[in-house]
N, C-alpha and C. Protein backbone atom coordinates (compact mmCIF):
# COMPACT_ATOMS: atom_id res chain seq x y z
N MET A 1 96.64 241.22 104.69
CA MET A 1 97.79 240.59 104.05
C MET A 1 97.93 241.12 102.62
N VAL A 2 99.11 241.56 102.27
CA VAL A 2 99.39 242.07 100.93
C VAL A 2 99.84 240.93 100.02
N VAL A 3 99.21 240.80 98.87
CA VAL A 3 99.57 239.77 97.91
C VAL A 3 100.81 240.22 97.13
N LYS A 4 101.81 239.35 97.05
CA LYS A 4 103.00 239.64 96.26
C LYS A 4 102.85 239.00 94.88
N VAL A 5 103.05 239.79 93.85
CA VAL A 5 102.96 239.31 92.47
C VAL A 5 104.35 239.34 91.86
N TYR A 6 104.90 238.16 91.60
CA TYR A 6 106.24 238.05 91.02
C TYR A 6 106.14 238.09 89.50
N GLY A 7 106.93 238.97 88.91
CA GLY A 7 106.98 239.03 87.45
C GLY A 7 106.94 240.46 86.97
N PRO A 8 107.43 240.71 85.76
CA PRO A 8 107.37 242.05 85.18
C PRO A 8 105.92 242.47 84.98
N ALA A 9 105.66 243.76 85.04
CA ALA A 9 104.28 244.25 85.01
C ALA A 9 103.74 244.33 83.58
N TYR A 10 103.78 243.20 82.88
CA TYR A 10 103.16 243.15 81.56
C TYR A 10 102.61 241.75 81.32
N ALA A 11 101.81 241.62 80.26
CA ALA A 11 101.29 240.34 79.80
C ALA A 11 100.60 239.55 80.91
N SER A 12 101.05 238.32 81.15
CA SER A 12 100.35 237.47 82.11
C SER A 12 100.34 238.03 83.53
N PRO A 13 101.45 238.59 84.04
CA PRO A 13 101.35 239.22 85.36
C PRO A 13 100.31 240.34 85.39
N LYS A 14 100.18 241.08 84.27
CA LYS A 14 99.20 242.17 84.26
C LYS A 14 97.78 241.63 84.32
N ARG A 15 97.54 240.44 83.81
CA ARG A 15 96.22 239.80 83.95
C ARG A 15 95.89 239.65 85.44
N VAL A 16 96.86 239.23 86.22
CA VAL A 16 96.66 239.08 87.67
C VAL A 16 96.49 240.43 88.34
N ILE A 17 97.32 241.38 87.97
CA ILE A 17 97.25 242.73 88.55
C ILE A 17 95.87 243.35 88.30
N LEU A 18 95.38 243.19 87.09
CA LEU A 18 94.04 243.70 86.75
C LEU A 18 92.98 243.12 87.67
N CYS A 19 93.04 241.82 87.88
CA CYS A 19 92.07 241.15 88.74
C CYS A 19 92.15 241.68 90.17
N LEU A 20 93.35 241.82 90.68
CA LEU A 20 93.52 242.30 92.06
C LEU A 20 92.99 243.72 92.22
N ILE A 21 93.20 244.54 91.21
CA ILE A 21 92.67 245.91 91.27
C ILE A 21 91.14 245.89 91.26
N GLU A 22 90.56 245.10 90.35
CA GLU A 22 89.10 245.01 90.28
C GLU A 22 88.51 244.49 91.59
N LYS A 23 89.21 243.59 92.24
CA LYS A 23 88.72 243.00 93.50
C LYS A 23 89.13 243.80 94.73
N GLN A 24 89.81 244.92 94.52
CA GLN A 24 90.21 245.81 95.62
C GLN A 24 91.07 245.08 96.65
N ILE A 25 92.03 244.31 96.14
CA ILE A 25 92.94 243.54 96.98
C ILE A 25 94.29 244.23 96.99
N ASP A 26 94.85 244.44 98.16
CA ASP A 26 96.17 245.07 98.27
C ASP A 26 97.24 244.13 97.72
N PHE A 27 98.15 244.68 96.94
CA PHE A 27 99.22 243.86 96.37
C PHE A 27 100.47 244.70 96.17
N GLU A 28 101.56 244.01 95.99
CA GLU A 28 102.81 244.66 95.58
C GLU A 28 103.47 243.78 94.53
N THR A 29 104.14 244.40 93.60
CA THR A 29 104.82 243.65 92.55
C THR A 29 106.27 243.40 92.94
N VAL A 30 106.76 242.23 92.58
CA VAL A 30 108.17 241.87 92.78
C VAL A 30 108.77 241.69 91.39
N PRO A 31 109.50 242.70 90.89
CA PRO A 31 109.98 242.65 89.51
C PRO A 31 110.97 241.50 89.28
N LEU A 32 110.91 240.96 88.07
CA LEU A 32 111.88 239.96 87.62
C LEU A 32 112.42 240.40 86.27
N ASP A 33 113.72 240.31 86.10
CA ASP A 33 114.34 240.66 84.82
C ASP A 33 114.29 239.44 83.91
N VAL A 34 113.15 239.28 83.23
CA VAL A 34 112.94 238.10 82.39
C VAL A 34 113.90 238.08 81.21
N LEU A 35 114.19 239.24 80.64
CA LEU A 35 115.06 239.29 79.46
C LEU A 35 116.47 238.79 79.77
N ASN A 36 116.86 238.91 81.04
CA ASN A 36 118.18 238.42 81.45
C ASN A 36 118.11 237.11 82.22
N GLY A 37 116.95 236.45 82.16
CA GLY A 37 116.85 235.09 82.68
C GLY A 37 116.63 234.94 84.16
N GLU A 38 116.20 236.01 84.83
CA GLU A 38 116.01 235.91 86.28
C GLU A 38 114.90 234.92 86.64
N HIS A 39 113.97 234.70 85.71
CA HIS A 39 112.88 233.75 85.95
C HIS A 39 113.36 232.30 85.88
N LYS A 40 114.62 232.10 85.48
CA LYS A 40 115.19 230.76 85.45
C LYS A 40 116.20 230.54 86.58
N SER A 41 116.28 231.50 87.48
CA SER A 41 117.23 231.39 88.59
C SER A 41 116.77 230.32 89.57
N PRO A 42 117.70 229.71 90.31
CA PRO A 42 117.33 228.68 91.29
C PRO A 42 116.30 229.16 92.30
N ASP A 43 116.43 230.40 92.76
CA ASP A 43 115.48 230.92 93.75
C ASP A 43 114.07 231.01 93.17
N TYR A 44 113.97 231.49 91.94
CA TYR A 44 112.63 231.61 91.36
C TYR A 44 112.05 230.25 91.02
N LEU A 45 112.89 229.32 90.59
CA LEU A 45 112.40 227.98 90.26
C LEU A 45 111.85 227.24 91.48
N LYS A 46 112.23 227.68 92.66
CA LYS A 46 111.63 227.12 93.86
C LYS A 46 110.17 227.56 94.00
N LEU A 47 109.86 228.72 93.43
CA LEU A 47 108.49 229.22 93.46
C LEU A 47 107.67 228.71 92.29
N GLN A 48 108.32 228.64 91.11
CA GLN A 48 107.63 228.24 89.89
C GLN A 48 108.55 227.27 89.14
N PRO A 49 108.34 225.99 89.28
CA PRO A 49 109.29 225.00 88.76
C PRO A 49 109.43 225.00 87.24
N PHE A 50 108.49 225.64 86.52
CA PHE A 50 108.57 225.71 85.07
C PHE A 50 109.25 226.99 84.59
N GLY A 51 109.55 227.89 85.52
CA GLY A 51 110.29 229.09 85.17
C GLY A 51 109.53 230.09 84.32
N VAL A 52 108.22 230.23 84.58
CA VAL A 52 107.44 231.24 83.88
C VAL A 52 106.77 232.14 84.90
N VAL A 53 106.28 233.28 84.44
CA VAL A 53 105.61 234.23 85.32
C VAL A 53 104.13 234.25 85.00
N PRO A 54 103.30 234.61 86.01
CA PRO A 54 103.62 235.12 87.34
C PRO A 54 103.49 234.04 88.41
N VAL A 55 103.84 234.46 89.62
CA VAL A 55 103.57 233.69 90.84
C VAL A 55 102.99 234.68 91.84
N THR A 56 102.03 234.23 92.65
CA THR A 56 101.57 235.07 93.76
C THR A 56 101.88 234.37 95.08
N ILE A 57 102.25 235.18 96.04
CA ILE A 57 102.48 234.71 97.41
C ILE A 57 101.53 235.49 98.31
N ASP A 58 100.68 234.76 99.02
CA ASP A 58 99.66 235.36 99.87
C ASP A 58 99.78 234.71 101.25
N GLY A 59 100.62 235.32 102.10
CA GLY A 59 100.93 234.68 103.37
C GLY A 59 101.72 233.41 103.11
N ASP A 60 101.18 232.27 103.51
CA ASP A 60 101.84 230.99 103.27
C ASP A 60 101.34 230.31 102.00
N TYR A 61 100.45 230.97 101.29
CA TYR A 61 99.82 230.34 100.12
C TYR A 61 100.47 230.83 98.83
N LYS A 62 100.97 229.88 98.06
CA LYS A 62 101.64 230.20 96.79
C LYS A 62 100.82 229.64 95.64
N LEU A 63 100.74 230.42 94.56
CA LEU A 63 99.96 229.98 93.40
C LEU A 63 100.62 230.49 92.13
N PHE A 64 100.67 229.62 91.10
CA PHE A 64 101.12 230.09 89.79
C PHE A 64 100.11 229.68 88.73
N GLU A 65 100.34 230.17 87.51
CA GLU A 65 99.43 230.11 86.35
C GLU A 65 98.37 231.21 86.50
N SER A 66 98.47 232.20 85.61
CA SER A 66 97.69 233.43 85.78
C SER A 66 96.18 233.19 85.81
N ARG A 67 95.67 232.29 84.98
CA ARG A 67 94.22 232.08 84.97
C ARG A 67 93.76 231.37 86.24
N ALA A 68 94.57 230.49 86.77
CA ALA A 68 94.25 229.87 88.06
C ALA A 68 94.24 230.92 89.17
N ILE A 69 95.18 231.84 89.09
CA ILE A 69 95.28 232.89 90.11
C ILE A 69 94.05 233.79 90.08
N ILE A 70 93.64 234.22 88.89
CA ILE A 70 92.50 235.14 88.83
C ILE A 70 91.20 234.45 89.22
N ARG A 71 91.08 233.17 88.92
CA ARG A 71 89.90 232.42 89.38
C ARG A 71 89.88 232.36 90.91
N TYR A 72 91.04 232.07 91.49
CA TYR A 72 91.14 231.92 92.94
C TYR A 72 90.74 233.20 93.65
N TYR A 73 91.32 234.33 93.26
CA TYR A 73 91.03 235.58 93.96
C TYR A 73 89.61 236.06 93.69
N SER A 74 89.07 235.78 92.52
CA SER A 74 87.70 236.17 92.24
C SER A 74 86.71 235.38 93.09
N GLU A 75 87.06 234.14 93.39
CA GLU A 75 86.20 233.30 94.25
C GLU A 75 86.41 233.64 95.72
N LYS A 76 87.66 233.78 96.13
CA LYS A 76 87.95 234.04 97.54
C LYS A 76 87.33 235.36 98.01
N TYR A 77 87.36 236.36 97.14
CA TYR A 77 86.83 237.69 97.48
C TYR A 77 85.60 238.01 96.64
N LYS A 78 84.74 237.03 96.47
CA LYS A 78 83.58 237.17 95.59
C LYS A 78 82.69 238.35 95.95
N SER A 79 82.54 238.63 97.24
CA SER A 79 81.65 239.72 97.67
C SER A 79 82.36 241.07 97.74
N GLN A 80 83.62 241.11 97.33
CA GLN A 80 84.41 242.35 97.42
C GLN A 80 84.74 242.84 96.01
N GLY A 81 84.65 244.13 95.80
CA GLY A 81 85.00 244.69 94.51
C GLY A 81 84.05 244.24 93.42
N THR A 82 84.55 244.14 92.18
CA THR A 82 83.74 243.74 91.04
C THR A 82 83.48 242.24 91.06
N ASP A 83 82.22 241.86 90.88
CA ASP A 83 81.90 240.43 90.75
C ASP A 83 82.32 239.99 89.36
N LEU A 84 83.35 239.18 89.28
CA LEU A 84 83.92 238.78 87.99
C LEU A 84 83.51 237.38 87.57
N LEU A 85 82.64 236.73 88.36
CA LEU A 85 82.28 235.34 88.09
C LEU A 85 80.82 235.14 87.70
N GLY A 86 80.01 236.18 87.80
CA GLY A 86 78.58 236.03 87.52
C GLY A 86 77.79 235.76 88.78
N LYS A 87 76.50 236.02 88.72
CA LYS A 87 75.65 235.91 89.90
C LYS A 87 74.93 234.57 89.98
N THR A 88 74.88 233.82 88.89
CA THR A 88 74.20 232.52 88.88
C THR A 88 75.17 231.46 88.37
N ILE A 89 74.81 230.20 88.58
CA ILE A 89 75.67 229.12 88.10
C ILE A 89 75.72 229.11 86.58
N GLU A 90 74.63 229.56 85.93
CA GLU A 90 74.62 229.63 84.48
C GLU A 90 75.57 230.72 83.98
N GLU A 91 75.57 231.86 84.64
CA GLU A 91 76.51 232.92 84.27
C GLU A 91 77.96 232.47 84.50
N ARG A 92 78.17 231.77 85.62
CA ARG A 92 79.52 231.26 85.90
C ARG A 92 79.96 230.29 84.81
N GLY A 93 79.03 229.47 84.34
CA GLY A 93 79.37 228.54 83.27
C GLY A 93 79.83 229.26 82.02
N LEU A 94 79.16 230.36 81.67
CA LEU A 94 79.55 231.12 80.48
C LEU A 94 80.90 231.82 80.68
N VAL A 95 81.14 232.32 81.89
CA VAL A 95 82.45 232.92 82.19
C VAL A 95 83.55 231.89 81.97
N GLU A 96 83.36 230.71 82.53
CA GLU A 96 84.36 229.65 82.39
C GLU A 96 84.52 229.23 80.93
N GLN A 97 83.40 229.15 80.21
CA GLN A 97 83.46 228.78 78.80
C GLN A 97 84.35 229.74 78.01
N TRP A 98 84.12 231.06 78.19
CA TRP A 98 84.88 232.03 77.41
C TRP A 98 86.30 232.20 77.92
N LEU A 99 86.53 231.90 79.19
CA LEU A 99 87.91 231.85 79.68
C LEU A 99 88.68 230.73 78.98
N GLU A 100 88.03 229.60 78.78
CA GLU A 100 88.67 228.49 78.07
C GLU A 100 88.90 228.84 76.60
N VAL A 101 87.94 229.54 76.01
CA VAL A 101 88.14 230.00 74.62
C VAL A 101 89.35 230.92 74.54
N GLU A 102 89.45 231.84 75.49
CA GLU A 102 90.60 232.75 75.50
C GLU A 102 91.91 231.98 75.60
N ALA A 103 91.95 230.99 76.49
CA ALA A 103 93.19 230.25 76.72
C ALA A 103 93.59 229.37 75.55
N HIS A 104 92.61 228.74 74.90
CA HIS A 104 92.93 227.70 73.91
C HIS A 104 92.74 228.11 72.46
N ASN A 105 91.90 229.12 72.22
CA ASN A 105 91.65 229.54 70.84
C ASN A 105 92.25 230.91 70.52
N PHE A 106 92.09 231.84 71.44
CA PHE A 106 92.56 233.21 71.22
C PHE A 106 94.04 233.37 71.53
N HIS A 107 94.44 232.94 72.71
CA HIS A 107 95.80 233.23 73.19
C HIS A 107 96.92 232.66 72.33
N PRO A 108 96.85 231.42 71.86
CA PRO A 108 97.98 230.91 71.07
C PRO A 108 98.31 231.77 69.86
N HIS A 109 97.30 232.27 69.17
CA HIS A 109 97.53 233.09 67.98
C HIS A 109 98.12 234.45 68.34
N ILE A 110 97.51 235.11 69.32
CA ILE A 110 97.99 236.45 69.66
C ILE A 110 99.36 236.38 70.33
N ASN A 111 99.63 235.33 71.06
CA ASN A 111 100.93 235.15 71.68
C ASN A 111 102.02 235.03 70.62
N ASN A 112 101.75 234.28 69.56
CA ASN A 112 102.72 234.16 68.47
C ASN A 112 102.98 235.50 67.80
N LEU A 113 101.91 236.27 67.56
CA LEU A 113 102.09 237.58 66.94
C LEU A 113 102.95 238.49 67.81
N VAL A 114 102.66 238.51 69.10
CA VAL A 114 103.41 239.37 70.01
C VAL A 114 104.87 238.94 70.09
N LEU A 115 105.09 237.63 70.20
CA LEU A 115 106.47 237.13 70.30
C LEU A 115 107.29 237.49 69.07
N HIS A 116 106.72 237.27 67.89
CA HIS A 116 107.50 237.45 66.66
C HIS A 116 107.59 238.90 66.20
N LEU A 117 106.57 239.70 66.49
CA LEU A 117 106.58 241.08 66.01
C LEU A 117 107.10 242.08 67.03
N LEU A 118 107.08 241.71 68.29
CA LEU A 118 107.49 242.66 69.33
C LEU A 118 108.71 242.20 70.11
N PHE A 119 108.72 240.93 70.51
CA PHE A 119 109.75 240.49 71.44
C PHE A 119 110.90 239.70 70.82
N SER A 120 110.77 239.29 69.56
CA SER A 120 111.85 238.47 68.98
C SER A 120 113.21 239.16 69.01
N PRO A 121 113.31 240.48 68.72
CA PRO A 121 114.64 241.11 68.80
C PRO A 121 115.19 241.13 70.22
N LEU A 122 114.29 241.30 71.20
CA LEU A 122 114.72 241.37 72.60
C LEU A 122 115.11 240.00 73.13
N LEU A 123 114.43 238.96 72.64
CA LEU A 123 114.69 237.61 73.13
C LEU A 123 115.72 236.86 72.30
N GLY A 124 116.13 237.47 71.19
CA GLY A 124 117.24 236.92 70.41
C GLY A 124 116.90 235.76 69.51
N PHE A 125 115.68 235.73 68.95
CA PHE A 125 115.38 234.71 67.96
C PHE A 125 114.78 235.40 66.73
N PRO A 126 114.93 234.80 65.55
CA PRO A 126 114.49 235.46 64.32
C PRO A 126 112.99 235.47 64.17
N ARG A 127 112.49 236.54 63.61
CA ARG A 127 111.05 236.64 63.29
C ARG A 127 110.72 235.65 62.19
N ASP A 128 109.63 234.93 62.35
CA ASP A 128 109.18 233.96 61.36
C ASP A 128 107.90 234.51 60.72
N ASP A 129 108.03 235.00 59.50
CA ASP A 129 106.88 235.62 58.84
C ASP A 129 105.77 234.63 58.53
N LYS A 130 106.12 233.37 58.35
CA LYS A 130 105.09 232.36 58.11
C LYS A 130 104.24 232.17 59.36
N VAL A 131 104.87 232.13 60.51
CA VAL A 131 104.14 232.02 61.78
C VAL A 131 103.25 233.24 61.96
N VAL A 132 103.77 234.42 61.64
CA VAL A 132 102.99 235.65 61.75
C VAL A 132 101.75 235.58 60.87
N GLU A 133 101.94 235.17 59.63
CA GLU A 133 100.82 235.09 58.69
C GLU A 133 99.76 234.09 59.15
N GLU A 134 100.21 232.91 59.55
CA GLU A 134 99.27 231.87 59.99
C GLU A 134 98.55 232.29 61.27
N SER A 135 99.27 232.95 62.17
CA SER A 135 98.67 233.37 63.44
C SER A 135 97.65 234.47 63.21
N GLU A 136 97.93 235.38 62.29
CA GLU A 136 96.97 236.44 62.00
C GLU A 136 95.69 235.86 61.38
N LYS A 137 95.84 234.90 60.50
CA LYS A 137 94.67 234.24 59.91
C LYS A 137 93.86 233.51 60.98
N GLY A 138 94.58 232.82 61.87
CA GLY A 138 93.91 232.09 62.94
C GLY A 138 93.18 233.02 63.89
N LEU A 139 93.82 234.12 64.25
CA LEU A 139 93.19 235.08 65.14
C LEU A 139 91.98 235.73 64.48
N SER A 140 92.06 235.99 63.20
CA SER A 140 90.93 236.57 62.48
C SER A 140 89.70 235.67 62.56
N LYS A 141 89.91 234.38 62.41
CA LYS A 141 88.78 233.44 62.49
C LYS A 141 88.18 233.43 63.89
N VAL A 142 89.03 233.49 64.90
CA VAL A 142 88.54 233.52 66.28
C VAL A 142 87.73 234.79 66.52
N LEU A 143 88.25 235.92 66.04
CA LEU A 143 87.57 237.19 66.26
C LEU A 143 86.27 237.29 65.46
N ASP A 144 86.16 236.55 64.38
CA ASP A 144 84.87 236.48 63.68
C ASP A 144 83.81 235.83 64.58
N VAL A 145 84.21 234.82 65.33
CA VAL A 145 83.30 234.19 66.29
C VAL A 145 82.93 235.19 67.39
N TYR A 146 83.92 235.94 67.86
CA TYR A 146 83.67 236.96 68.88
C TYR A 146 82.68 238.01 68.35
N GLU A 147 82.86 238.42 67.11
CA GLU A 147 81.99 239.42 66.52
C GLU A 147 80.52 238.97 66.56
N GLU A 148 80.31 237.72 66.22
CA GLU A 148 78.95 237.17 66.26
C GLU A 148 78.42 237.14 67.69
N ARG A 149 79.25 236.73 68.63
CA ARG A 149 78.84 236.67 70.03
C ARG A 149 78.53 238.06 70.57
N LEU A 150 79.42 239.02 70.29
CA LEU A 150 79.29 240.36 70.87
C LEU A 150 78.21 241.20 70.19
N ALA A 151 77.66 240.69 69.11
CA ALA A 151 76.47 241.32 68.52
C ALA A 151 75.24 241.08 69.39
N LYS A 152 75.35 240.10 70.30
CA LYS A 152 74.21 239.71 71.12
C LYS A 152 74.34 240.16 72.58
N SER A 153 75.53 240.52 73.00
CA SER A 153 75.73 240.94 74.39
C SER A 153 76.92 241.90 74.46
N ASN A 154 76.94 242.71 75.50
CA ASN A 154 78.01 243.71 75.63
C ASN A 154 79.36 243.09 75.99
N TYR A 155 79.32 241.93 76.63
CA TYR A 155 80.53 241.26 77.07
C TYR A 155 80.43 239.79 76.69
N LEU A 156 81.51 239.06 76.82
CA LEU A 156 81.54 237.70 76.31
C LEU A 156 80.58 236.77 77.04
N ALA A 157 80.48 236.90 78.34
CA ALA A 157 79.62 236.00 79.11
C ALA A 157 78.21 236.54 79.28
N GLY A 158 77.94 237.72 78.77
CA GLY A 158 76.62 238.33 78.92
C GLY A 158 76.75 239.83 79.01
N ASP A 159 75.84 240.47 79.68
CA ASP A 159 75.88 241.93 79.81
C ASP A 159 76.55 242.36 81.11
N PHE A 160 77.60 241.67 81.48
CA PHE A 160 78.39 242.04 82.66
C PHE A 160 79.86 241.74 82.39
N PHE A 161 80.72 242.61 82.89
CA PHE A 161 82.17 242.44 82.77
C PHE A 161 82.61 241.30 83.67
N SER A 162 83.44 240.42 83.15
CA SER A 162 83.85 239.24 83.92
C SER A 162 85.31 238.90 83.64
N LEU A 163 85.76 237.83 84.30
CA LEU A 163 87.10 237.33 84.04
C LEU A 163 87.32 236.99 82.57
N ALA A 164 86.25 236.58 81.89
CA ALA A 164 86.37 236.24 80.48
C ALA A 164 86.86 237.43 79.66
N ASP A 165 86.37 238.62 79.99
CA ASP A 165 86.80 239.83 79.30
C ASP A 165 88.17 240.29 79.82
N LEU A 166 88.30 240.31 81.12
CA LEU A 166 89.54 240.77 81.76
C LEU A 166 90.76 240.03 81.23
N SER A 167 90.61 238.73 81.05
CA SER A 167 91.74 237.91 80.66
C SER A 167 92.27 238.26 79.27
N HIS A 168 91.44 238.90 78.45
CA HIS A 168 91.85 239.28 77.09
C HIS A 168 92.65 240.58 77.04
N ILE A 169 92.52 241.42 78.05
CA ILE A 169 92.98 242.80 77.92
C ILE A 169 94.49 242.94 77.68
N PRO A 170 95.36 242.33 78.51
CA PRO A 170 96.79 242.62 78.35
C PRO A 170 97.35 242.27 76.98
N PHE A 171 97.06 241.08 76.47
CA PHE A 171 97.63 240.70 75.17
C PHE A 171 96.94 241.44 74.03
N SER A 172 95.64 241.68 74.14
CA SER A 172 94.95 242.42 73.08
C SER A 172 95.52 243.81 72.90
N SER A 173 95.96 244.41 73.99
CA SER A 173 96.51 245.77 73.91
C SER A 173 97.75 245.82 73.03
N TYR A 174 98.48 244.70 72.95
CA TYR A 174 99.69 244.67 72.12
C TYR A 174 99.38 244.80 70.63
N LEU A 175 98.17 244.47 70.21
CA LEU A 175 97.83 244.60 68.79
C LEU A 175 98.03 246.03 68.31
N PHE A 176 97.87 246.98 69.22
CA PHE A 176 98.02 248.39 68.87
C PHE A 176 99.49 248.80 68.84
N ASN A 177 100.37 247.96 69.37
CA ASN A 177 101.81 248.23 69.34
C ASN A 177 102.51 247.57 68.15
N ILE A 178 101.84 246.60 67.54
CA ILE A 178 102.49 245.84 66.46
C ILE A 178 101.80 246.05 65.12
N GLY A 179 100.97 247.08 65.04
CA GLY A 179 100.33 247.41 63.77
C GLY A 179 99.23 246.46 63.35
N LYS A 180 98.62 245.77 64.30
CA LYS A 180 97.56 244.81 63.98
C LYS A 180 96.22 245.21 64.60
N GLU A 181 96.07 246.48 64.91
CA GLU A 181 94.83 246.91 65.54
C GLU A 181 93.62 246.75 64.63
N HIS A 182 93.85 246.62 63.32
CA HIS A 182 92.73 246.41 62.40
C HIS A 182 91.96 245.12 62.72
N LEU A 183 92.64 244.16 63.33
CA LEU A 183 91.95 242.93 63.70
C LEU A 183 90.81 243.20 64.67
N ILE A 184 90.95 244.24 65.47
CA ILE A 184 89.89 244.67 66.37
C ILE A 184 88.98 245.69 65.68
N ARG A 185 89.57 246.71 65.08
CA ARG A 185 88.80 247.83 64.57
C ARG A 185 87.94 247.48 63.35
N ASP A 186 88.30 246.46 62.59
CA ASP A 186 87.50 246.07 61.42
C ASP A 186 86.24 245.31 61.79
N ARG A 187 86.06 245.03 63.07
CA ARG A 187 84.89 244.29 63.54
C ARG A 187 84.12 245.18 64.52
N LYS A 188 82.96 245.65 64.11
CA LYS A 188 82.22 246.68 64.84
C LYS A 188 82.00 246.30 66.30
N HIS A 189 81.49 245.12 66.54
CA HIS A 189 81.13 244.74 67.91
C HIS A 189 82.37 244.41 68.74
N VAL A 190 83.37 243.82 68.13
CA VAL A 190 84.63 243.58 68.83
C VAL A 190 85.28 244.90 69.20
N SER A 191 85.24 245.85 68.28
CA SER A 191 85.83 247.17 68.53
C SER A 191 85.12 247.88 69.69
N GLU A 192 83.81 247.83 69.69
CA GLU A 192 83.06 248.46 70.79
C GLU A 192 83.34 247.77 72.12
N TRP A 193 83.42 246.45 72.08
CA TRP A 193 83.78 245.67 73.30
C TRP A 193 85.15 246.07 73.80
N TRP A 194 86.12 246.18 72.88
CA TRP A 194 87.47 246.56 73.29
C TRP A 194 87.47 247.94 73.94
N ASP A 195 86.74 248.88 73.38
CA ASP A 195 86.69 250.22 73.96
C ASP A 195 86.08 250.17 75.36
N ARG A 196 85.09 249.32 75.56
CA ARG A 196 84.48 249.20 76.89
C ARG A 196 85.47 248.65 77.91
N ILE A 197 86.13 247.55 77.55
CA ILE A 197 86.97 246.89 78.55
C ILE A 197 88.30 247.63 78.77
N SER A 198 88.81 248.27 77.73
CA SER A 198 90.11 248.95 77.86
C SER A 198 89.98 250.34 78.50
N SER A 199 88.75 250.82 78.66
CA SER A 199 88.56 252.12 79.30
C SER A 199 88.28 251.99 80.80
N ARG A 200 88.31 250.77 81.31
CA ARG A 200 88.05 250.57 82.73
C ARG A 200 89.17 251.20 83.57
N PRO A 201 88.83 251.81 84.70
CA PRO A 201 89.86 252.41 85.57
C PRO A 201 90.94 251.42 85.98
N SER A 202 90.57 250.15 86.13
CA SER A 202 91.56 249.14 86.55
C SER A 202 92.67 249.00 85.52
N TRP A 203 92.32 249.06 84.23
CA TRP A 203 93.35 248.93 83.19
C TRP A 203 94.24 250.17 83.16
N LYS A 204 93.63 251.34 83.32
CA LYS A 204 94.43 252.55 83.36
C LYS A 204 95.41 252.53 84.54
N LYS A 205 94.93 252.03 85.67
CA LYS A 205 95.81 251.94 86.84
C LYS A 205 96.91 250.91 86.62
N ALA A 206 96.56 249.77 85.99
CA ALA A 206 97.56 248.74 85.69
C ALA A 206 98.64 249.27 84.76
N LEU A 207 98.25 250.09 83.80
CA LEU A 207 99.22 250.66 82.87
C LEU A 207 100.22 251.58 83.58
N GLU A 208 99.77 252.23 84.62
CA GLU A 208 100.68 253.11 85.37
C GLU A 208 101.79 252.34 86.06
N LEU A 209 101.59 251.03 86.25
CA LEU A 209 102.60 250.20 86.92
C LEU A 209 103.63 249.66 85.96
N SER A 210 103.42 249.86 84.66
CA SER A 210 104.34 249.29 83.65
C SER A 210 105.69 250.00 83.68
């Protein structure tokens, strides 16, 4: 069964695409013209009542929210492809811990930067420099914590690549498009971590779908 991934091949949908590639799961993308509001159409709202991307359809099984999706496929196909959840319950706990950090501490700041510095002209709202400044300061503090953590291990949950790392890749890559790559490069261990995770074949393949 081929998994259908609804949404443009960037940001949150790319988080799902990355996971499917790592898990060696066949998929196809179903593009949506988000800039022109296709994600708010009645047909799409039947799939995702909040009108955001992505959604996956796997036979009769529908799922939305990208982090829920990547957890599901990593568990369902645990013995296939890259083990993204850890081999012990303790490793799984650390994966889940850093996934929560990504969702609640890292993502809000980087999402604001991307929205205001990259997408505001396309989405038709004015850039707010105060939001940009506050978000950059907030992200810097979060990455200081990452720097301390990554001084002790190659990846966030330990010395293995996991969902915790994978979930960071799509939005972190935008820092290099908006002139904020110093947030990564000024931190030795964060920079080395970024080079490790962004050089994975799965990310290179995901970029080809953009």
